Amino acid sequence: MHKIIKVFVFSLAAMLLCMPVFCQSPNSSPVEMADGMRQSGKIYVVIAVILTILAGLIFYIIRLDRKISRMEKENG
């Protein structure tokens, strides 16, 4: 269980640390769709959906890891 969590946390940290590098390119023009969604308040719905999906995946992985660990202890 701990190995999967460590790999997941490391991968998430690596993605979050690399993200600002891609977002700050000097030649990029402002994204009109993002500005429009931010002004209308729809960006918060998009963020909520993404966070809900991510939380569901994390919950599923942890639950699956616990089940596998329990089965290994029973058979091992």
PDB file of N, CA and C in Angstrom:
ATOM      1  N   MET A   1       0.830  -1.189   0.000  1.00  0.00           N
ATOM      2  CA  MET A   1       0.000   0.000   0.000  1.00  0.00           C
ATOM      3  C   MET A   1       0.870   1.247   0.000  1.00  0.00           C
ATOM      4  N   HIS A   2       1.902   1.237   0.779  1.00  0.00           N
ATOM      5  CA  HIS A   2       2.723   2.430   0.904  1.00  0.00           C
ATOM      6  C   HIS A   2       3.490   2.729  -0.384  1.00  0.00           C
ATOM      7  N   LYS A   3       3.870   1.672  -1.088  1.00  0.00           N
ATOM      8  CA  LYS A   3       4.622   1.879  -2.314  1.00  0.00           C
ATOM      9  C   LYS A   3       3.771   2.573  -3.374  1.00  0.00           C
ATOM     10  N   ILE A   4       2.507   2.165  -3.497  1.00  0.00           N
ATOM     11  CA  ILE A   4       1.613   2.775  -4.479  1.00  0.00           C
ATOM     12  C   ILE A   4       1.358   4.235  -4.129  1.00  0.00           C
ATOM     13  N   ILE A   5       1.147   4.501  -2.864  1.00  0.00           N
ATOM     14  CA  ILE A   5       0.888   5.879  -2.430  1.00  0.00           C
ATOM     15  C   ILE A   5       2.108   6.751  -2.667  1.00  0.00           C
ATOM     16  N   LYS A   6       3.304   6.219  -2.386  1.00  0.00           N
ATOM     17  CA  LYS A   6       4.526   6.987  -2.611  1.00  0.00           C
ATOM     18  C   LYS A   6       4.701   7.310  -4.091  1.00  0.00           C
ATOM     19  N   VAL A   7       4.442   6.326  -4.952  1.00  0.00           N
ATOM     20  CA  VAL A   7       4.565   6.553  -6.391  1.00  0.00           C
ATOM     21  C   VAL A   7       3.544   7.577  -6.856  1.00  0.00           C
ATOM     22  N   PHE A   8       2.314   7.470  -6.350  1.00  0.00           N
ATOM     23  CA  PHE A   8       1.269   8.418  -6.732  1.00  0.00           C
ATOM     24  C   PHE A   8       1.619   9.836  -6.284  1.00  0.00           C
ATOM     25  N   VAL A   9       2.069   9.989  -5.048  1.00  0.00           N
ATOM     26  CA  VAL A   9       2.410  11.323  -4.526  1.00  0.00           C
ATOM     27  C   VAL A   9       3.586  11.900  -5.303  1.00  0.00           C
ATOM     28  N   PHE A  10       4.585  11.082  -5.591  1.00  0.00           N
ATOM     29  CA  PHE A  10       5.727  11.562  -6.358  1.00  0.00           C
ATOM     30  C   PHE A  10       5.311  12.002  -7.757  1.00  0.00           C
ATOM     31  N   SER A  11       4.464  11.208  -8.410  1.00  0.00           N
ATOM     32  CA  SER A  11       4.005  11.552  -9.756  1.00  0.00           C
ATOM     33  C   SER A  11       3.188  12.838  -9.752  1.00  0.00           C
ATOM     34  N   LEU A  12       2.309  12.973  -8.763  1.00  0.00           N
ATOM     35  CA  LEU A  12       1.498  14.184  -8.662  1.00  0.00           C
ATOM     36  C   LEU A  12       2.370  15.407  -8.415  1.00  0.00           C
ATOM     37  N   ALA A  13       3.361  15.273  -7.523  1.00  0.00           N
ATOM     38  CA  ALA A  13       4.260  16.393  -7.239  1.00  0.00           C
ATOM     39  C   ALA A  13       5.059  16.774  -8.476  1.00  0.00           C
ATOM     40  N   ALA A  14       5.521  15.778  -9.221  1.00  0.00           N
ATOM     41  CA  ALA A  14       6.297  16.062 -10.434  1.00  0.00           C
ATOM     42  C   ALA A  14       5.447  16.798 -11.462  1.00  0.00           C
ATOM     43  N   MET A  15       4.188  16.373 -11.618  1.00  0.00           N
ATOM     44  CA  MET A  15       3.309  17.052 -12.576  1.00  0.00           C
ATOM     45  C   MET A  15       3.030  18.487 -12.143  1.00  0.00           C
ATOM     46  N   LEU A  16       2.785  18.692 -10.848  1.00  0.00           N
ATOM     47  CA  LEU A  16       2.468  20.032 -10.369  1.00  0.00           C
ATOM     48  C   LEU A  16       3.670  20.959 -10.440  1.00  0.00           C
ATOM     49  N   LEU A  17       4.865  20.431 -10.253  1.00  0.00           N
ATOM     50  CA  LEU A  17       6.061  21.263 -10.327  1.00  0.00           C
ATOM     51  C   LEU A  17       6.407  21.636 -11.766  1.00  0.00           C
ATOM     52  N   CYS A  18       6.074  20.789 -12.717  1.00  0.00           N
ATOM     53  CA  CYS A  18       6.390  21.067 -14.120  1.00  0.00           C
ATOM     54  C   CYS A  18       5.331  21.936 -14.792  1.00  0.00           C
ATOM     55  N   MET A  19       4.139  21.979 -14.247  1.00  0.00           N
ATOM     56  CA  MET A  19       3.039  22.689 -14.880  1.00  0.00           C
ATOM     57  C   MET A  19       3.309  24.192 -15.066  1.00  0.00           C
ATOM     58  N   PRO A  20       3.839  24.905 -14.065  1.00  0.00           N
ATOM     59  CA  PRO A  20       4.077  26.348 -14.282  1.00  0.00           C
ATOM     60  C   PRO A  20       5.073  26.630 -15.397  1.00  0.00           C
ATOM     61  N   VAL A  21       5.993  25.727 -15.641  1.00  0.00           N
ATOM     62  CA  VAL A  21       6.977  25.927 -16.706  1.00  0.00           C
ATOM     63  C   VAL A  21       6.281  25.996 -18.060  1.00  0.00           C
ATOM     64  N   PHE A  22       5.313  25.118 -18.286  1.00  0.00           N
ATOM     65  CA  PHE A  22       4.593  25.106 -19.554  1.00  0.00           C
ATOM     66  C   PHE A  22       3.612  26.262 -19.670  1.00  0.00           C
ATOM     67  N   CYS A  23       3.151  26.765 -18.561  1.00  0.00           N
ATOM     68  CA  CYS A  23       2.149  27.831 -18.586  1.00  0.00           C
ATOM     69  C   CYS A  23       2.750  29.203 -18.823  1.00  0.00           C
ATOM     70  N   GLN A  24       4.048  29.360 -18.717  1.00  0.00           N
ATOM     71  CA  GLN A  24       4.658  30.680 -18.769  1.00  0.00           C
ATOM     72  C   GLN A  24       5.506  30.902 -20.013  1.00  0.00           C
ATOM     73  N   SER A  25       5.071  30.393 -21.127  1.00  0.00           N
ATOM     74  CA  SER A  25       5.838  30.622 -22.345  1.00  0.00           C
ATOM     75  C   SER A  25       5.697  32.085 -22.769  1.00  0.00           C
ATOM     76  N   PRO A  26       6.775  32.725 -23.181  1.00  0.00           N
ATOM     77  CA  PRO A  26       6.740  34.162 -23.489  1.00  0.00           C
ATOM     78  C   PRO A  26       5.960  34.507 -24.752  1.00  0.00           C
ATOM     79  N   ASN A  27       5.796  33.577 -25.661  1.00  0.00           N
ATOM     80  CA  ASN A  27       5.129  33.865 -26.932  1.00  0.00           C
ATOM     81  C   ASN A  27       3.647  33.511 -26.924  1.00  0.00           C
ATOM     82  N   SER A  28       3.125  33.123 -25.790  1.00  0.00           N
ATOM     83  CA  SER A  28       1.728  32.690 -25.771  1.00  0.00           C
ATOM     84  C   SER A  28       0.792  33.896 -25.719  1.00  0.00           C
ATOM     85  N   SER A  29      -0.324  33.770 -26.402  1.00  0.00           N
ATOM     86  CA  SER A  29      -1.337  34.816 -26.367  1.00  0.00           C
ATOM     87  C   SER A  29      -2.377  34.444 -25.325  1.00  0.00           C
ATOM     88  N   PRO A  30      -3.107  35.395 -24.786  1.00  0.00           N
ATOM     89  CA  PRO A  30      -4.119  35.072 -23.785  1.00  0.00           C
ATOM     90  C   PRO A  30      -5.199  34.148 -24.359  1.00  0.00           C
ATOM     91  N   VAL A  31      -5.643  33.226 -23.567  1.00  0.00           N
ATOM     92  CA  VAL A  31      -6.652  32.267 -24.013  1.00  0.00           C
ATOM     93  C   VAL A  31      -8.024  32.883 -23.774  1.00  0.00           C
ATOM     94  N   GLU A  32      -8.748  33.103 -24.860  1.00  0.00           N
ATOM     95  CA  GLU A  32     -10.042  33.780 -24.760  1.00  0.00           C
ATOM     96  C   GLU A  32     -11.084  32.904 -24.067  1.00  0.00           C
ATOM     97  N   MET A  33     -11.034  31.592 -24.310  1.00  0.00           N
ATOM     98  CA  MET A  33     -12.017  30.712 -23.707  1.00  0.00           C
ATOM     99  C   MET A  33     -11.882  30.715 -22.188  1.00  0.00           C
ATOM    100  N   ALA A  34     -10.655  30.691 -21.681  1.00  0.00           N
ATOM    101  CA  ALA A  34     -10.441  30.697 -20.232  1.00  0.00           C
ATOM    102  C   ALA A  34     -10.933  32.009 -19.620  1.00  0.00           C
ATOM    103  N   ASP A  35     -10.688  33.120 -20.318  1.00  0.00           N
ATOM    104  CA  ASP A  35     -11.161  34.409 -19.793  1.00  0.00           C
ATOM    105  C   ASP A  35     -12.688  34.448 -19.769  1.00  0.00           C
ATOM    106  N   GLY A  36     -13.307  33.939 -20.814  1.00  0.00           N
ATOM    107  CA  GLY A  36     -14.770  33.912 -20.863  1.00  0.00           C
ATOM    108  C   GLY A  36     -15.362  33.031 -19.785  1.00  0.00           C
ATOM    109  N   MET A  37     -14.764  31.865 -19.559  1.00  0.00           N
ATOM    110  CA  MET A  37     -15.263  30.964 -18.522  1.00  0.00           C
ATOM    111  C   MET A  37     -15.057  31.553 -17.127  1.00  0.00           C
ATOM    112  N   ARG A  38     -13.944  32.254 -16.958  1.00  0.00           N
ATOM    113  CA  ARG A  38     -13.671  32.876 -15.662  1.00  0.00           C
ATOM    114  C   ARG A  38     -14.676  33.999 -15.383  1.00  0.00           C
ATOM    115  N   GLN A  39     -14.999  34.765 -16.399  1.00  0.00           N
ATOM    116  CA  GLN A  39     -15.945  35.868 -16.217  1.00  0.00           C
ATOM    117  C   GLN A  39     -17.349  35.369 -15.932  1.00  0.00           C
ATOM    118  N   SER A  40     -17.747  34.266 -16.562  1.00  0.00           N
ATOM    119  CA  SER A  40     -19.105  33.762 -16.351  1.00  0.00           C
ATOM    120  C   SER A  40     -19.204  32.855 -15.126  1.00  0.00           C
ATOM    121  N   GLY A  41     -18.061  32.502 -14.525  1.00  0.00           N
ATOM    122  CA  GLY A  41     -18.080  31.667 -13.341  1.00  0.00           C
ATOM    123  C   GLY A  41     -18.106  30.183 -13.640  1.00  0.00           C
ATOM    124  N   LYS A  42     -18.063  29.790 -14.904  1.00  0.00           N
ATOM    125  CA  LYS A  42     -18.113  28.372 -15.273  1.00  0.00           C
ATOM    126  C   LYS A  42     -16.801  27.653 -14.991  1.00  0.00           C
ATOM    127  N   ILE A  43     -15.721  28.402 -14.835  1.00  0.00           N
ATOM    128  CA  ILE A  43     -14.427  27.776 -14.572  1.00  0.00           C
ATOM    129  C   ILE A  43     -14.462  27.008 -13.257  1.00  0.00           C
ATOM    130  N   TYR A  44     -15.255  27.486 -12.306  1.00  0.00           N
ATOM    131  CA  TYR A  44     -15.341  26.810 -11.017  1.00  0.00           C
ATOM    132  C   TYR A  44     -16.064  25.465 -11.152  1.00  0.00           C
ATOM    133  N   VAL A  45     -16.986  25.372 -12.075  1.00  0.00           N
ATOM    134  CA  VAL A  45     -17.665  24.100 -12.329  1.00  0.00           C
ATOM    135  C   VAL A  45     -16.670  23.110 -12.937  1.00  0.00           C
ATOM    136  N   VAL A  46     -15.858  23.578 -13.859  1.00  0.00           N
ATOM    137  CA  VAL A  46     -14.857  22.717 -14.488  1.00  0.00           C
ATOM    138  C   VAL A  46     -13.870  22.216 -13.440  1.00  0.00           C
ATOM    139  N   ILE A  47     -13.406  23.106 -12.576  1.00  0.00           N
ATOM    140  CA  ILE A  47     -12.466  22.718 -11.524  1.00  0.00           C
ATOM    141  C   ILE A  47     -13.114  21.730 -10.563  1.00  0.00           C
ATOM    142  N   ALA A  48     -14.368  21.945 -10.212  1.00  0.00           N
ATOM    143  CA  ALA A  48     -15.068  21.027  -9.307  1.00  0.00           C
ATOM    144  C   ALA A  48     -15.203  19.636  -9.922  1.00  0.00           C
ATOM    145  N   VAL A  49     -15.506  19.568 -11.205  1.00  0.00           N
ATOM    146  CA  VAL A  49     -15.627  18.266 -11.879  1.00  0.00           C
ATOM    147  C   VAL A  49     -14.279  17.557 -11.911  1.00  0.00           C
ATOM    148  N   ILE A  50     -13.230  18.273 -12.243  1.00  0.00           N
ATOM    149  CA  ILE A  50     -11.898  17.678 -12.292  1.00  0.00           C
ATOM    150  C   ILE A  50     -11.484  17.169 -10.917  1.00  0.00           C
ATOM    151  N   LEU A  51     -11.709  17.960  -9.876  1.00  0.00           N
ATOM    152  CA  LEU A  51     -11.353  17.536  -8.516  1.00  0.00           C
ATOM    153  C   LEU A  51     -12.185  16.348  -8.069  1.00  0.00           C
ATOM    154  N   THR A  52     -13.451  16.294  -8.453  1.00  0.00           N
ATOM    155  CA  THR A  52     -14.304  15.157  -8.102  1.00  0.00           C
ATOM    156  C   THR A  52     -13.802  13.884  -8.764  1.00  0.00           C
ATOM    157  N   ILE A  53     -13.444  13.963 -10.028  1.00  0.00           N
ATOM    158  CA  ILE A  53     -12.911  12.795 -10.734  1.00  0.00           C
ATOM    159  C   ILE A  53     -11.591  12.349 -10.114  1.00  0.00           C
ATOM    160  N   LEU A  54     -10.726  13.289  -9.816  1.00  0.00           N
ATOM    161  CA  LEU A  54      -9.436  12.962  -9.208  1.00  0.00           C
ATOM    162  C   LEU A  54      -9.617  12.334  -7.831  1.00  0.00           C
ATOM    163  N   ALA A  55     -10.521  12.872  -7.018  1.00  0.00           N
ATOM    164  CA  ALA A  55     -10.781  12.305  -5.696  1.00  0.00           C
ATOM    165  C   ALA A  55     -11.353  10.894  -5.816  1.00  0.00           C
ATOM    166  N   GLY A  56     -12.223  10.674  -6.782  1.00  0.00           N
ATOM    167  CA  GLY A  56     -12.777   9.345  -7.003  1.00  0.00           C
ATOM    168  C   GLY A  56     -11.711   8.342  -7.400  1.00  0.00           C
ATOM    169  N   LEU A  57     -10.798   8.752  -8.267  1.00  0.00           N
ATOM    170  CA  LEU A  57      -9.711   7.862  -8.669  1.00  0.00           C
ATOM    171  C   LEU A  57      -8.795   7.534  -7.499  1.00  0.00           C
ATOM    172  N   ILE A  58      -8.464   8.519  -6.691  1.00  0.00           N
ATOM    173  CA  ILE A  58      -7.612   8.287  -5.525  1.00  0.00           C
ATOM    174  C   ILE A  58      -8.301   7.339  -4.550  1.00  0.00           C
ATOM    175  N   PHE A  59      -9.578   7.563  -4.302  1.00  0.00           N
ATOM    176  CA  PHE A  59     -10.340   6.697  -3.402  1.00  0.00           C
ATOM    177  C   PHE A  59     -10.362   5.261  -3.930  1.00  0.00           C
ATOM    178  N   TYR A  60     -10.587   5.105  -5.227  1.00  0.00           N
ATOM    179  CA  TYR A  60     -10.632   3.779  -5.844  1.00  0.00           C
ATOM    180  C   TYR A  60      -9.283   3.066  -5.717  1.00  0.00           C
ATOM    181  N   ILE A  61      -8.193   3.768  -5.966  1.00  0.00           N
ATOM    182  CA  ILE A  61      -6.863   3.165  -5.892  1.00  0.00           C
ATOM    183  C   ILE A  61      -6.550   2.730  -4.466  1.00  0.00           C
ATOM    184  N   ILE A  62      -6.867   3.559  -3.496  1.00  0.00           N
ATOM    185  CA  ILE A  62      -6.603   3.207  -2.095  1.00  0.00           C
ATOM    186  C   ILE A  62      -7.447   2.007  -1.684  1.00  0.00           C
ATOM    187  N   ARG A  63      -8.723   2.004  -2.059  1.00  0.00           N
ATOM    188  CA  ARG A  63      -9.598   0.882  -1.713  1.00  0.00           C
ATOM    189  C   ARG A  63      -9.133  -0.407  -2.373  1.00  0.00           C
ATOM    190  N   LEU A  64      -8.740  -0.334  -3.623  1.00  0.00           N
ATOM    191  CA  LEU A  64      -8.244  -1.499  -4.340  1.00  0.00           C
ATOM    192  C   LEU A  64      -6.957  -2.024  -3.711  1.00  0.00           C
ATOM    193  N   ASP A  65      -6.071  -1.133  -3.311  1.00  0.00           N
ATOM    194  CA  ASP A  65      -4.825  -1.532  -2.671  1.00  0.00           C
ATOM    195  C   ASP A  65      -5.098  -2.244  -1.346  1.00  0.00           C
ATOM    196  N   ARG A  66      -6.045  -1.749  -0.575  1.00  0.00           N
ATOM    197  CA  ARG A  66      -6.395  -2.400   0.694  1.00  0.00           C
ATOM    198  C   ARG A  66      -6.968  -3.790   0.462  1.00  0.00           C
ATOM    199  N   LYS A  67      -7.813  -3.939  -0.538  1.00  0.00           N
ATOM    200  CA  LYS A  67      -8.385  -5.255  -0.844  1.00  0.00           C
ATOM    201  C   LYS A  67      -7.299  -6.237  -1.274  1.00  0.00           C
ATOM    202  N   ILE A  68      -6.390  -5.785  -2.119  1.00  0.00           N
ATOM    203  CA  ILE A  68      -5.312  -6.656  -2.582  1.00  0.00           C
ATOM    204  C   ILE A  68      -4.411  -7.047  -1.415  1.00  0.00           C
ATOM    205  N   SER A  69      -4.095  -6.091  -0.543  1.00  0.00           N
ATOM    206  CA  SER A  69      -3.265  -6.392   0.618  1.00  0.00           C
ATOM    207  C   SER A  69      -3.945  -7.414   1.518  1.00  0.00           C
ATOM    208  N   ARG A  70      -5.251  -7.267   1.717  1.00  0.00           N
ATOM    209  CA  ARG A  70      -5.998  -8.206   2.551  1.00  0.00           C
ATOM    210  C   ARG A  70      -5.989  -9.606   1.934  1.00  0.00           C
ATOM    211  N   MET A  71      -6.161  -9.687   0.619  1.00  0.00           N
ATOM    212  CA  MET A  71      -6.146 -10.983  -0.060  1.00  0.00           C
ATOM    213  C   MET A  71      -4.768 -11.625   0.006  1.00  0.00           C
ATOM    214  N   GLU A  72      -3.703 -10.833  -0.090  1.00  0.00           N
ATOM    215  CA  GLU A  72      -2.354 -11.364   0.008  1.00  0.00           C
ATOM    216  C   GLU A  72      -2.079 -11.919   1.395  1.00  0.00           C
ATOM    217  N   LYS A  73      -2.571 -11.243   2.438  1.00  0.00           N
ATOM    218  CA  LYS A  73      -2.371 -11.726   3.796  1.00  0.00           C
ATOM    219  C   LYS A  73      -3.128 -13.030   4.036  1.00  0.00           C
ATOM    220  N   GLU A  74      -4.326 -13.155   3.471  1.00  0.00           N
ATOM    221  CA  GLU A  74      -5.121 -14.367   3.636  1.00  0.00           C
ATOM    222  C   GLU A  74      -4.477 -15.554   2.939  1.00  0.00           C
ATOM    223  N   ASN A  75      -3.906 -15.336   1.768  1.00  0.00           N
ATOM    224  CA  ASN A  75      -3.322 -16.426   0.986  1.00  0.00           C
ATOM    225  C   ASN A  75      -1.858 -16.683   1.326  1.00  0.00           C
ATOM    226  N   GLY A  76      -1.206 -15.714   1.920  1.00  0.00           N
ATOM    227  CA  GLY A  76       0.233 -15.802   2.106  1.00  0.00           C
ATOM    228  C   GLY A  76       0.690 -16.459   3.323  1.00  0.00           C
TER     229      GLY A  76
END
